[in-house]
Amino acid sequence: MTDTTPETTTGTTPDHSVKARLRAAMTAAMKVREELALGALRQVLSEIAVVETAGEEVAVLSDEQVLAVVAVEVRKHHETADAFVTAGRPQQAARSRAEAAVLEAYLPAALGDDDLQRIIGEEIAAAATSGAQGMKAMGKVVAAVRAQAGPTADGAKIAAMVKAALA
């Protein structure tokens, strides 16, 4: 099957897009019969297809949008692993974490705590200049930090760090 997808909005050709890399990795996993990677890649590609076909018109996702879908799937795998641990099913938890690791390879490196703290400090100062102080500024600061940190940033971690900084 030939990929006839038009260029993404980021200007990359489909051959170098994240989605194309995921498809190529799935094909490679099929060839070597790597069931764990194959399952994780099929699942994320299926979710990408669902997002693209949701709504009245078929949309072609940009690389950033595809990465956001991958990040959601990684988070789902981690939550599933935590649920398996709670239920006393360590083998399934290990499998879910391994699938998450396969998908994490396609995500850009996350910002470190020091970088996040710097961004949070800058955004708290910016919110203070516009009159937002204390916990009333939390929503504005979290939104601004998430925008700078990118789609793969952990929102719960950012919220906790902002709350601690504002307290």
Foldseek 3Di string as FASTA:
>chain_A
DDDPDQQAPVRDGPCPALLVVLVVVLVVCVVVVVPLQNVLSVVLNVQQQCVQPPDDHGHDHHSQVSLLSLLVQLVVLQVVLVVCVVVVNNVSSVSSNVSSVSSCVSHDDFDDPVVLLVLLVVLQVVLVVVPDAAPSCLVVSLVSSDVVRGSNDDSVVSSVSNNVVRD
